[in-house]
C-alpha atoms as a PDB file:
ATOM      1  CA  MET A   1     -17.746   3.326  -4.130  1.00  0.00           C
ATOM      2  CA  ASN A   2     -17.340   4.215  -7.711  1.00  0.00           C
ATOM      3  CA  THR A   3     -15.414   1.262  -8.782  1.00  0.00           C
ATOM      4  CA  ASP A   4     -14.600   2.397 -12.236  1.00  0.00           C
ATOM      5  CA  LYS A   5     -12.223   4.726 -10.299  1.00  0.00           C
ATOM      6  CA  ILE A   6     -10.384   1.546  -8.984  1.00  0.00           C
ATOM      7  CA  GLU A   7      -6.335   1.692  -9.734  1.00  0.00           C
ATOM      8  CA  ASP A   8      -4.388  -1.309 -10.206  1.00  0.00           C
ATOM      9  CA  VAL A   9      -0.917  -0.673  -8.970  1.00  0.00           C
ATOM     10  CA  MET A  10       2.281  -2.195  -7.726  1.00  0.00           C
ATOM     11  CA  SER A  11       2.857  -2.031  -3.522  1.00  0.00           C
ATOM     12  CA  GLU A  12       5.790   0.528  -4.086  1.00  0.00           C
ATOM     13  CA  LEU A  13       3.564   2.992  -6.120  1.00  0.00           C
ATOM     14  CA  LEU A  14       0.709   3.299  -3.490  1.00  0.00           C
ATOM     15  CA  GLY A  15      -0.288   6.875  -3.216  1.00  0.00           C
ATOM     16  CA  GLU A  16      -1.072   9.032  -0.140  1.00  0.00           C
ATOM     17  CA  GLY A  17      -4.833  10.087  -0.218  1.00  0.00           C
ATOM     18  CA  TYR A  18      -5.694   6.677  -1.607  1.00  0.00           C
ATOM     19  CA  ARG A  19      -7.248   3.704   0.195  1.00  0.00           C
ATOM     20  CA  ILE A  20      -6.408   0.180  -0.644  1.00  0.00           C
ATOM     21  CA  VAL A  21      -9.138  -1.863  -1.739  1.00  0.00           C
ATOM     22  CA  TRP A  22      -8.395  -5.690  -0.426  1.00  0.00           C
ATOM     23  CA  GLU A  23      -9.298  -8.764  -2.189  1.00  0.00           C
ATOM     24  CA  ASP A  24     -12.483  -8.867  -0.248  1.00  0.00           C
ATOM     25  CA  GLY A  25     -13.523  -5.926  -1.208  1.00  0.00           C
ATOM     26  CA  THR A  26     -13.347  -3.781   1.776  1.00  0.00           C
ATOM     27  CA  LEU A  27     -11.046  -0.807   2.300  1.00  0.00           C
ATOM     28  CA  SER A  28      -8.354   0.291   4.369  1.00  0.00           C
ATOM     29  CA  PRO A  29      -8.382   3.735   5.715  1.00  0.00           C
ATOM     30  CA  ALA A  30      -6.801   6.376   3.800  1.00  0.00           C
ATOM     31  CA  ILE A  31      -3.023   6.339   3.362  1.00  0.00           C
ATOM     32  CA  ASP A  32      -1.026   9.181   5.225  1.00  0.00           C
ATOM     33  CA  TRP A  33       2.118   8.233   3.922  1.00  0.00           C
ATOM     34  CA  VAL A  34       4.415   5.299   2.082  1.00  0.00           C
ATOM     35  CA  ASP A  35       8.068   4.708   3.107  1.00  0.00           C
ATOM     36  CA  TRP A  36      10.501   2.328   1.853  1.00  0.00           C
ATOM     37  CA  ILE A  37      12.000   0.388   4.820  1.00  0.00           C
ATOM     38  CA  GLU A  38      14.863  -2.344   4.925  1.00  0.00           C
ATOM     39  CA  ASP A  39      13.984  -5.571   6.527  1.00  0.00           C
ATOM     40  CA  PRO A  40      16.907  -6.531   8.666  1.00  0.00           C
ATOM     41  CA  GLU A  41      15.724 -10.111   8.860  1.00  0.00           C
ATOM     42  CA  ASP A  42      16.461 -10.623   5.209  1.00  0.00           C
ATOM     43  CA  GLU A  43      20.460 -10.487   5.745  1.00  0.00           C
ATOM     44  CA  GLU A  44      21.415 -13.113   2.945  1.00  0.00           C
ATOM     45  CA  LYS A  45      19.031 -10.965   0.524  1.00  0.00           C
ATOM     46  CA  GLU A  46      20.508  -8.486  -1.860  1.00  0.00           C
ATOM     47  CA  ASP A  47      20.201  -4.671  -0.777  1.00  0.00           C
ATOM     48  CA  GLU A  48      17.280  -4.488  -3.475  1.00  0.00           C
ATOM     49  CA  GLU A  49      15.462  -7.564  -1.940  1.00  0.00           C
ATOM     50  CA  LYS A  50      15.368  -6.591   1.061  1.00  0.00           C
ATOM     51  CA  GLU A  51      13.248  -3.517   0.532  1.00  0.00           C
ATOM     52  CA  LYS A  52       9.883  -3.529   1.870  1.00  0.00           C
ATOM     53  CA  VAL A  53       6.940  -0.891   1.582  1.00  0.00           C
ATOM     54  CA  GLU A  54       5.568   0.361   4.798  1.00  0.00           C
ATOM     55  CA  VAL A  55       2.185   2.016   4.610  1.00  0.00           C
ATOM     56  CA  THR A  56       1.021   4.128   7.450  1.00  0.00           C
ATOM     57  CA  PHE A  57      -2.378   5.005   7.438  1.00  0.00           C
ATOM     58  CA  GLN A  58      -4.264   8.384   8.681  1.00  0.00           C
ATOM     59  CA  ASP A  59      -5.656   6.366  11.776  1.00  0.00           C
ATOM     60  CA  GLY A  60      -2.463   5.424  12.748  1.00  0.00           C
ATOM     61  CA  SER A  61      -2.083   2.185  11.785  1.00  0.00           C
ATOM     62  CA  THR A  62       0.505   0.709   9.578  1.00  0.00           C
ATOM     63  CA  ARG A  63       1.309  -2.343   7.115  1.00  0.00           C
ATOM     64  CA  THR A  64       3.968  -3.504   5.439  1.00  0.00           C
ATOM     65  CA  PHE A  65       4.207  -5.172   1.879  1.00  0.00           C
ATOM     66  CA  ASP A  66       6.947  -6.768  -0.241  1.00  0.00           C
ATOM     67  CA  LYS A  67       7.898  -4.849  -3.120  1.00  0.00           C
ATOM     68  CA  GLY A  68       6.108  -5.764  -6.491  1.00  0.00           C
ATOM     69  CA  VAL A  69       2.680  -7.121  -4.978  1.00  0.00           C
ATOM     70  CA  PRO A  70      -0.123  -6.424  -7.147  1.00  0.00           C
ATOM     71  CA  MET A  71      -2.714  -4.416  -5.411  1.00  0.00           C
ATOM     72  CA  HIS A  72      -5.949  -1.851  -6.046  1.00  0.00           C
ATOM     73  CA  GLN A  73      -6.394   1.567  -4.657  1.00  0.00           C
ATOM     74  CA  ILE A  74      -8.897   4.250  -4.749  1.00  0.00           C
ATOM     75  CA  TRP A  75      -9.043   7.934  -4.236  1.00  0.00           C
ATOM     76  CA  HIS A  76     -10.429   8.739  -0.930  1.00  0.00           C
ATOM     77  CA  GLU A  77     -12.998  11.315  -2.490  1.00  0.00           C
ATOM     78  CA  ASP A  78     -14.446   8.524  -4.887  1.00  0.00           C
ATOM     79  CA  VAL A  79     -15.719   6.257  -1.984  1.00  0.00           C
ATOM     80  CA  ASP A  80     -19.171   7.025  -1.220  1.00  0.00           C
END
């Protein structure tokens, strides 16, 4: 993996075609799409605070993150 190509992003700015670089250095599958969803369990929060980032990967799995979480991503072609 070309570590010079790793980008720092906030969770809401993750991009399609990128792979998330986890804290332990492992990689997610490539991101297929990113949606903003509202968490129905956060009834007491303001509308903007209810928004979450739902990432669907090319293998069909999904992960949900709070908005504003610092993350790292790399373009799928920059991975060995």
